[in-house]
Structures are given as C-alpha cells and as structure tokens.
Amino acid sequence: MGLISAKAGLAEVVKKCESNACGAVIVAADYRCEWWEIKSTVYGIDPNDASKKLTLGKLRTLYGPLSAQTYANIILVSDEPLYGPSVLDPNSGQTVAGPARNGISVGGISAICHKSGTDEKFPANIYTPIR
C-alpha cells in the first residue's frame, strides 16, 4: 500500500487488476536503460484437463527510461477478464458481474533493457489474445 500511495496514478493501474489479469515485475540495471520491454504470457486452466494450463494471450509492456542502479516496480496489465460476461439478475433486474474465471495468471515474464531510443509510447500494455 505504501508504494501505491507514493506513486501518483499507480492506484488507478492497480484498480484495473480487480477485473483483468495482471502481474508485476521489478526491473533494475547497472547502466541507464532508455526504455524497458517486458514480455509475458497470460495463462488459464484447460477446461478439458484442470491439471493443464492454456495460453490465453501474450502481453508486451513498455516502460520509460530508468537511471543506472535504480529500480522500478512495473505492473503488467492485460485485457484478459477475470470474470465472465455480466449477467442480468432475474430477481432484482440488476446487471451483476459474471462468474469468476479461476486459475488465470500472468507468467513467463522476461524483461529487456534497451540502451537505444524508440518511437514507441510509454507506458503501454499491449495484449494479444490467442483464441
């Protein structure tokens, strides 16, 4: 919580993780990084075999420059929903969150420190679902 309260805008990012699959990574380097590229995979449980995981999508997270010998906490936010589609409650007529999609996780995280610039915009989370 201390980190969230110390960083403007971080609480907003973390709020997205209440409804979407997220991960996190801490990055650091001995030298200046002009930008960071973090690649990760979003997994889910195989509906045909609960002991296996399926790849639901690929996530590419971009983060801006970081001075030498400093670190950054980077939140990896995908567009993979943690809940099924909203449903209409027949008793109340209210729209309610769909059922939880248990077993969704972000893993296979790798971070790349780039020493040269880029035209890409930071920060960014680019999610590509695999269906």
N, C-alpha and C. Protein backbone atom coordinates (compact mmCIF):
# COMPACT_ATOMS: atom_id res chain seq x y z
N MET A 1 0.81 -1.19 0.00
CA MET A 1 0.00 0.00 0.00
C MET A 1 0.85 1.26 0.00
N GLY A 2 2.02 1.20 0.67
CA GLY A 2 2.89 2.36 0.71
C GLY A 2 3.33 2.77 -0.68
N LEU A 3 3.66 1.79 -1.52
CA LEU A 3 4.07 2.09 -2.89
C LEU A 3 2.93 2.73 -3.66
N ILE A 4 1.73 2.21 -3.49
CA ILE A 4 0.58 2.75 -4.21
C ILE A 4 0.32 4.19 -3.80
N SER A 5 0.42 4.48 -2.52
CA SER A 5 0.13 5.84 -2.07
C SER A 5 1.25 6.81 -2.45
N ALA A 6 2.46 6.31 -2.68
CA ALA A 6 3.59 7.18 -3.01
C ALA A 6 3.67 7.51 -4.50
N LYS A 7 3.01 6.75 -5.33
CA LYS A 7 3.09 6.94 -6.77
C LYS A 7 1.76 7.42 -7.33
N ALA A 8 1.75 8.62 -7.87
CA ALA A 8 0.54 9.15 -8.49
C ALA A 8 0.16 8.27 -9.68
N GLY A 9 -1.09 7.91 -9.77
CA GLY A 9 -1.58 7.12 -10.89
C GLY A 9 -1.45 5.62 -10.71
N LEU A 10 -0.65 5.15 -9.76
CA LEU A 10 -0.47 3.71 -9.58
C LEU A 10 -1.75 3.05 -9.08
N ALA A 11 -2.48 3.72 -8.20
CA ALA A 11 -3.73 3.15 -7.69
C ALA A 11 -4.71 2.91 -8.82
N GLU A 12 -4.73 3.81 -9.81
CA GLU A 12 -5.62 3.65 -10.96
C GLU A 12 -5.25 2.40 -11.76
N VAL A 13 -3.95 2.18 -11.93
CA VAL A 13 -3.48 1.00 -12.66
C VAL A 13 -3.85 -0.26 -11.90
N VAL A 14 -3.60 -0.26 -10.59
CA VAL A 14 -3.89 -1.44 -9.77
C VAL A 14 -5.39 -1.73 -9.77
N LYS A 15 -6.22 -0.71 -9.84
CA LYS A 15 -7.68 -0.90 -9.87
C LYS A 15 -8.09 -1.76 -11.08
N LYS A 16 -7.39 -1.59 -12.20
CA LYS A 16 -7.68 -2.39 -13.40
C LYS A 16 -7.47 -3.88 -13.12
N CYS A 17 -6.60 -4.17 -12.14
CA CYS A 17 -6.29 -5.57 -11.82
C CYS A 17 -7.40 -6.25 -11.02
N GLU A 18 -8.41 -5.49 -10.62
CA GLU A 18 -9.56 -6.10 -9.96
C GLU A 18 -10.43 -6.85 -10.96
N SER A 19 -10.34 -6.46 -12.24
CA SER A 19 -11.18 -7.09 -13.25
C SER A 19 -10.39 -7.74 -14.38
N ASN A 20 -9.09 -7.47 -14.47
CA ASN A 20 -8.25 -8.04 -15.54
C ASN A 20 -7.04 -8.75 -14.95
N ALA A 21 -6.52 -9.74 -15.68
CA ALA A 21 -5.33 -10.47 -15.24
C ALA A 21 -4.13 -9.54 -15.25
N CYS A 22 -3.38 -9.54 -14.14
CA CYS A 22 -2.21 -8.68 -14.00
C CYS A 22 -1.04 -9.46 -13.41
N GLY A 23 0.12 -8.91 -13.60
CA GLY A 23 1.33 -9.41 -12.98
C GLY A 23 2.17 -8.21 -12.59
N ALA A 24 3.35 -8.46 -12.06
CA ALA A 24 4.24 -7.38 -11.68
C ALA A 24 5.68 -7.86 -11.77
N VAL A 25 6.58 -6.91 -12.00
CA VAL A 25 8.00 -7.23 -12.05
C VAL A 25 8.77 -6.01 -11.55
N ILE A 26 9.90 -6.27 -10.91
CA ILE A 26 10.82 -5.21 -10.52
C ILE A 26 12.00 -5.29 -11.47
N VAL A 27 12.36 -4.16 -12.08
CA VAL A 27 13.48 -4.13 -13.02
C VAL A 27 14.57 -3.21 -12.48
N ALA A 28 15.82 -3.53 -12.82
CA ALA A 28 16.97 -2.71 -12.44
C ALA A 28 18.13 -3.10 -13.34
N ALA A 29 19.09 -2.16 -13.50
CA ALA A 29 20.28 -2.44 -14.30
C ALA A 29 21.44 -1.61 -13.78
N ASP A 30 22.65 -2.07 -14.05
CA ASP A 30 23.86 -1.33 -13.66
C ASP A 30 24.04 -0.07 -14.49
N TYR A 31 23.42 -0.03 -15.66
CA TYR A 31 23.57 1.09 -16.59
C TYR A 31 22.21 1.67 -16.92
N ARG A 32 22.19 2.84 -17.54
CA ARG A 32 20.93 3.51 -17.89
C ARG A 32 20.21 2.72 -18.97
N CYS A 33 18.91 2.55 -18.78
CA CYS A 33 18.05 1.93 -19.78
C CYS A 33 17.19 3.03 -20.38
N GLU A 34 17.22 3.16 -21.70
CA GLU A 34 16.40 4.18 -22.36
C GLU A 34 14.93 3.81 -22.30
N TRP A 35 14.66 2.50 -22.32
CA TRP A 35 13.30 2.01 -22.14
C TRP A 35 13.33 0.53 -21.85
N TRP A 36 12.26 0.06 -21.24
CA TRP A 36 12.12 -1.36 -20.88
C TRP A 36 11.01 -1.99 -21.70
N GLU A 37 11.23 -3.24 -22.05
CA GLU A 37 10.23 -4.06 -22.74
C GLU A 37 10.07 -5.34 -21.93
N ILE A 38 8.88 -5.56 -21.43
CA ILE A 38 8.61 -6.75 -20.63
C ILE A 38 7.62 -7.62 -21.40
N LYS A 39 8.01 -8.85 -21.63
CA LYS A 39 7.14 -9.79 -22.33
C LYS A 39 6.65 -10.82 -21.32
N SER A 40 5.37 -11.15 -21.41
CA SER A 40 4.78 -12.14 -20.50
C SER A 40 3.65 -12.88 -21.20
N THR A 41 3.18 -13.90 -20.53
CA THR A 41 2.12 -14.74 -21.07
C THR A 41 0.99 -14.84 -20.05
N VAL A 42 -0.25 -14.77 -20.55
CA VAL A 42 -1.42 -14.95 -19.69
C VAL A 42 -1.92 -16.38 -19.89
N TYR A 43 -2.05 -17.08 -18.77
CA TYR A 43 -2.46 -18.47 -18.78
C TYR A 43 -3.83 -18.65 -18.14
N GLY A 44 -4.51 -19.72 -18.53
CA GLY A 44 -5.76 -20.12 -17.91
C GLY A 44 -5.79 -21.62 -17.79
N ILE A 45 -6.73 -22.13 -17.04
CA ILE A 45 -6.87 -23.57 -16.85
C ILE A 45 -7.56 -24.18 -18.07
N ASP A 46 -7.03 -25.30 -18.53
CA ASP A 46 -7.62 -26.02 -19.65
C ASP A 46 -8.96 -26.60 -19.19
N PRO A 47 -10.07 -26.23 -19.85
CA PRO A 47 -11.38 -26.74 -19.41
C PRO A 47 -11.52 -28.25 -19.57
N ASN A 48 -10.68 -28.85 -20.41
CA ASN A 48 -10.74 -30.31 -20.62
C ASN A 48 -9.87 -31.08 -19.64
N ASP A 49 -8.89 -30.39 -19.00
CA ASP A 49 -8.00 -31.05 -18.06
C ASP A 49 -7.48 -29.99 -17.08
N ALA A 50 -8.06 -29.98 -15.88
CA ALA A 50 -7.73 -28.95 -14.90
C ALA A 50 -6.28 -28.96 -14.45
N SER A 51 -5.53 -30.03 -14.77
CA SER A 51 -4.12 -30.08 -14.38
C SER A 51 -3.22 -29.41 -15.42
N LYS A 52 -3.81 -28.95 -16.52
CA LYS A 52 -3.04 -28.30 -17.58
C LYS A 52 -3.43 -26.84 -17.72
N LYS A 53 -2.48 -26.07 -18.25
CA LYS A 53 -2.75 -24.65 -18.50
C LYS A 53 -2.77 -24.40 -20.00
N LEU A 54 -3.58 -23.42 -20.38
CA LEU A 54 -3.66 -22.97 -21.77
C LEU A 54 -3.11 -21.56 -21.84
N THR A 55 -2.48 -21.24 -22.97
CA THR A 55 -2.06 -19.86 -23.19
C THR A 55 -3.27 -19.08 -23.69
N LEU A 56 -3.65 -18.05 -22.95
CA LEU A 56 -4.79 -17.22 -23.34
C LEU A 56 -4.36 -16.02 -24.17
N GLY A 57 -3.11 -15.56 -23.95
CA GLY A 57 -2.63 -14.41 -24.70
C GLY A 57 -1.21 -14.04 -24.34
N LYS A 58 -0.68 -13.10 -25.10
CA LYS A 58 0.67 -12.57 -24.90
C LYS A 58 0.55 -11.10 -24.52
N LEU A 59 1.38 -10.68 -23.58
CA LEU A 59 1.37 -9.30 -23.10
C LEU A 59 2.75 -8.70 -23.29
N ARG A 60 2.78 -7.51 -23.87
CA ARG A 60 4.02 -6.76 -24.07
C ARG A 60 3.84 -5.42 -23.36
N THR A 61 4.65 -5.20 -22.32
CA THR A 61 4.56 -4.00 -21.51
C THR A 61 5.77 -3.13 -21.76
N LEU A 62 5.55 -1.84 -21.99
CA LEU A 62 6.64 -0.89 -22.25
C LEU A 62 6.71 0.11 -21.10
N TYR A 63 7.94 0.42 -20.71
CA TYR A 63 8.17 1.35 -19.60
C TYR A 63 9.32 2.27 -20.01
N GLY A 64 9.29 3.49 -19.58
CA GLY A 64 10.25 4.51 -19.99
C GLY A 64 11.63 4.37 -19.39
N PRO A 65 12.42 5.42 -19.51
CA PRO A 65 13.83 5.37 -19.09
C PRO A 65 14.01 5.17 -17.59
N LEU A 66 15.14 4.58 -17.25
CA LEU A 66 15.48 4.33 -15.86
C LEU A 66 16.98 4.53 -15.69
N SER A 67 17.37 5.36 -14.74
CA SER A 67 18.78 5.64 -14.48
C SER A 67 19.52 4.39 -14.01
N ALA A 68 20.83 4.44 -14.13
CA ALA A 68 21.67 3.32 -13.68
C ALA A 68 21.48 3.09 -12.19
N GLN A 69 21.50 1.83 -11.80
CA GLN A 69 21.44 1.40 -10.41
C GLN A 69 20.21 1.93 -9.66
N THR A 70 19.11 2.04 -10.37
CA THR A 70 17.83 2.34 -9.75
C THR A 70 16.87 1.22 -10.17
N TYR A 71 15.73 1.18 -9.54
CA TYR A 71 14.78 0.13 -9.89
C TYR A 71 13.39 0.73 -10.09
N ALA A 72 12.53 -0.06 -10.72
CA ALA A 72 11.14 0.34 -10.92
C ALA A 72 10.25 -0.87 -10.73
N ASN A 73 9.11 -0.64 -10.11
CA ASN A 73 8.06 -1.65 -10.00
C ASN A 73 7.12 -1.43 -11.18
N ILE A 74 6.98 -2.45 -12.01
CA ILE A 74 6.15 -2.32 -13.21
C ILE A 74 4.97 -3.28 -13.10
N ILE A 75 3.77 -2.74 -13.24
CA ILE A 75 2.55 -3.55 -13.22
C ILE A 75 2.23 -3.96 -14.66
N LEU A 76 2.00 -5.23 -14.86
CA LEU A 76 1.69 -5.79 -16.17
C LEU A 76 0.18 -5.99 -16.24
N VAL A 77 -0.50 -5.18 -17.03
CA VAL A 77 -1.97 -5.20 -17.07
C VAL A 77 -2.43 -5.73 -18.43
N SER A 78 -3.12 -6.86 -18.40
CA SER A 78 -3.66 -7.42 -19.64
C SER A 78 -5.12 -7.01 -19.80
N ASP A 79 -5.68 -7.34 -20.94
CA ASP A 79 -7.11 -7.12 -21.19
C ASP A 79 -7.89 -8.41 -20.98
N GLU A 80 -7.25 -9.43 -20.39
CA GLU A 80 -7.91 -10.72 -20.16
C GLU A 80 -8.80 -10.60 -18.93
N PRO A 81 -10.12 -10.72 -19.09
CA PRO A 81 -11.03 -10.55 -17.95
C PRO A 81 -10.93 -11.68 -16.93
N LEU A 82 -11.06 -11.31 -15.66
CA LEU A 82 -11.07 -12.30 -14.58
C LEU A 82 -12.47 -12.85 -14.31
N TYR A 83 -13.48 -12.23 -14.96
CA TYR A 83 -14.87 -12.65 -14.78
C TYR A 83 -15.51 -12.85 -16.15
N GLY A 84 -16.48 -13.74 -16.18
CA GLY A 84 -17.25 -13.95 -17.40
C GLY A 84 -18.12 -12.73 -17.68
N PRO A 85 -18.83 -12.76 -18.79
CA PRO A 85 -19.69 -11.62 -19.14
C PRO A 85 -20.73 -11.32 -18.05
N SER A 86 -21.05 -10.05 -17.91
CA SER A 86 -22.08 -9.64 -16.94
C SER A 86 -23.40 -10.31 -17.29
N VAL A 87 -24.19 -10.54 -16.25
CA VAL A 87 -25.49 -11.19 -16.45
C VAL A 87 -26.57 -10.37 -15.75
N LEU A 88 -27.77 -10.56 -16.18
CA LEU A 88 -28.92 -9.88 -15.59
C LEU A 88 -29.50 -10.77 -14.50
N ASP A 89 -29.56 -10.24 -13.29
CA ASP A 89 -30.15 -10.98 -12.17
C ASP A 89 -31.67 -10.95 -12.36
N PRO A 90 -32.31 -12.12 -12.54
CA PRO A 90 -33.76 -12.14 -12.80
C PRO A 90 -34.59 -11.65 -11.61
N ASN A 91 -34.06 -11.75 -10.40
CA ASN A 91 -34.80 -11.33 -9.21
C ASN A 91 -34.80 -9.81 -9.03
N SER A 92 -33.61 -9.21 -9.25
CA SER A 92 -33.51 -7.77 -8.99
C SER A 92 -33.56 -6.93 -10.27
N GLY A 93 -33.31 -7.56 -11.42
CA GLY A 93 -33.27 -6.82 -12.67
C GLY A 93 -31.96 -6.05 -12.83
N GLN A 94 -31.03 -6.23 -11.89
CA GLN A 94 -29.73 -5.55 -11.92
C GLN A 94 -28.72 -6.35 -12.75
N THR A 95 -27.81 -5.65 -13.36
CA THR A 95 -26.70 -6.31 -14.05
C THR A 95 -25.62 -6.59 -13.01
N VAL A 96 -25.17 -7.83 -12.96
CA VAL A 96 -24.14 -8.24 -11.99
C VAL A 96 -22.96 -8.86 -12.73
N ALA A 97 -21.80 -8.84 -12.06
CA ALA A 97 -20.59 -9.43 -12.65
C ALA A 97 -20.83 -10.90 -12.95
N GLY A 98 -20.25 -11.34 -14.03
CA GLY A 98 -20.35 -12.75 -14.40
C GLY A 98 -19.53 -13.62 -13.46
N PRO A 99 -19.54 -14.91 -13.69
CA PRO A 99 -18.81 -15.82 -12.80
C PRO A 99 -17.30 -15.61 -12.90
N ALA A 100 -16.61 -15.84 -11.78
CA ALA A 100 -15.15 -15.73 -11.74
C ALA A 100 -14.52 -16.78 -12.65
N ARG A 101 -13.51 -16.37 -13.37
CA ARG A 101 -12.72 -17.29 -14.21
C ARG A 101 -11.46 -17.64 -13.43
N ASN A 102 -11.56 -18.64 -12.57
CA ASN A 102 -10.46 -19.02 -11.69
C ASN A 102 -9.27 -19.58 -12.47
N GLY A 103 -8.10 -19.41 -11.90
CA GLY A 103 -6.90 -20.00 -12.48
C GLY A 103 -6.19 -19.17 -13.53
N ILE A 104 -6.60 -17.93 -13.72
CA ILE A 104 -5.93 -17.08 -14.70
C ILE A 104 -4.71 -16.44 -14.03
N SER A 105 -3.57 -16.49 -14.73
CA SER A 105 -2.34 -15.94 -14.16
C SER A 105 -1.47 -15.34 -15.26
N VAL A 106 -0.53 -14.50 -14.83
CA VAL A 106 0.46 -13.91 -15.73
C VAL A 106 1.81 -14.50 -15.33
N GLY A 107 2.52 -15.06 -16.29
CA GLY A 107 3.81 -15.68 -16.00
C GLY A 107 4.72 -15.61 -17.21
N GLY A 108 5.79 -16.38 -17.16
CA GLY A 108 6.74 -16.38 -18.26
C GLY A 108 7.28 -14.99 -18.54
N ILE A 109 7.60 -14.26 -17.48
CA ILE A 109 7.98 -12.85 -17.60
C ILE A 109 9.46 -12.72 -17.93
N SER A 110 9.75 -11.92 -18.96
CA SER A 110 11.15 -11.58 -19.27
C SER A 110 11.23 -10.09 -19.52
N ALA A 111 12.30 -9.47 -19.05
CA ALA A 111 12.48 -8.02 -19.16
C ALA A 111 13.73 -7.72 -19.99
N ILE A 112 13.60 -6.75 -20.87
CA ILE A 112 14.72 -6.33 -21.73
C ILE A 112 14.98 -4.85 -21.50
N CYS A 113 16.22 -4.53 -21.16
CA CYS A 113 16.65 -3.14 -21.00
C CYS A 113 17.23 -2.70 -22.34
N HIS A 114 16.59 -1.71 -22.97
CA HIS A 114 17.08 -1.21 -24.25
C HIS A 114 17.97 0.01 -24.02
N LYS A 115 19.15 0.00 -24.65
CA LYS A 115 20.11 1.10 -24.48
C LYS A 115 19.91 2.21 -25.50
N SER A 116 19.16 1.93 -26.57
CA SER A 116 18.90 2.97 -27.58
C SER A 116 17.43 3.34 -27.55
N GLY A 117 17.12 4.52 -28.06
CA GLY A 117 15.76 5.04 -28.03
C GLY A 117 14.81 4.32 -28.95
N THR A 118 13.55 4.71 -28.87
CA THR A 118 12.50 4.14 -29.71
C THR A 118 11.42 5.20 -29.92
N ASP A 119 10.57 4.96 -30.90
CA ASP A 119 9.43 5.84 -31.15
C ASP A 119 8.18 5.37 -30.41
N GLU A 120 8.29 4.24 -29.71
CA GLU A 120 7.12 3.71 -29.02
C GLU A 120 6.76 4.60 -27.83
N LYS A 121 5.50 4.56 -27.44
CA LYS A 121 4.98 5.38 -26.35
C LYS A 121 5.02 4.59 -25.04
N PHE A 122 5.37 5.26 -23.94
CA PHE A 122 5.40 4.66 -22.61
C PHE A 122 4.43 5.39 -21.71
N PRO A 123 3.95 4.80 -20.68
CA PRO A 123 3.90 3.35 -20.53
C PRO A 123 2.83 2.76 -21.42
N ALA A 124 2.94 1.48 -21.68
CA ALA A 124 1.94 0.81 -22.52
C ALA A 124 1.85 -0.66 -22.15
N ASN A 125 0.66 -1.21 -22.26
CA ASN A 125 0.41 -2.63 -22.13
C ASN A 125 -0.31 -3.06 -23.40
N ILE A 126 0.34 -3.92 -24.19
CA ILE A 126 -0.24 -4.37 -25.46
C ILE A 126 -0.56 -5.85 -25.30
N TYR A 127 -1.86 -6.15 -25.26
CA TYR A 127 -2.29 -7.53 -25.06
C TYR A 127 -2.81 -8.12 -26.37
N THR A 128 -2.32 -9.31 -26.68
CA THR A 128 -2.75 -10.02 -27.88
C THR A 128 -3.35 -11.35 -27.46
N PRO A 129 -4.69 -11.46 -27.50
CA PRO A 129 -5.32 -12.74 -27.12
C PRO A 129 -5.03 -13.81 -28.16
N ILE A 130 -4.95 -15.05 -27.68
CA ILE A 130 -4.77 -16.21 -28.57
C ILE A 130 -6.04 -17.03 -28.46
N ARG A 131 -6.79 -17.08 -29.51
CA ARG A 131 -8.06 -17.82 -29.47
C ARG A 131 -8.18 -18.70 -30.69
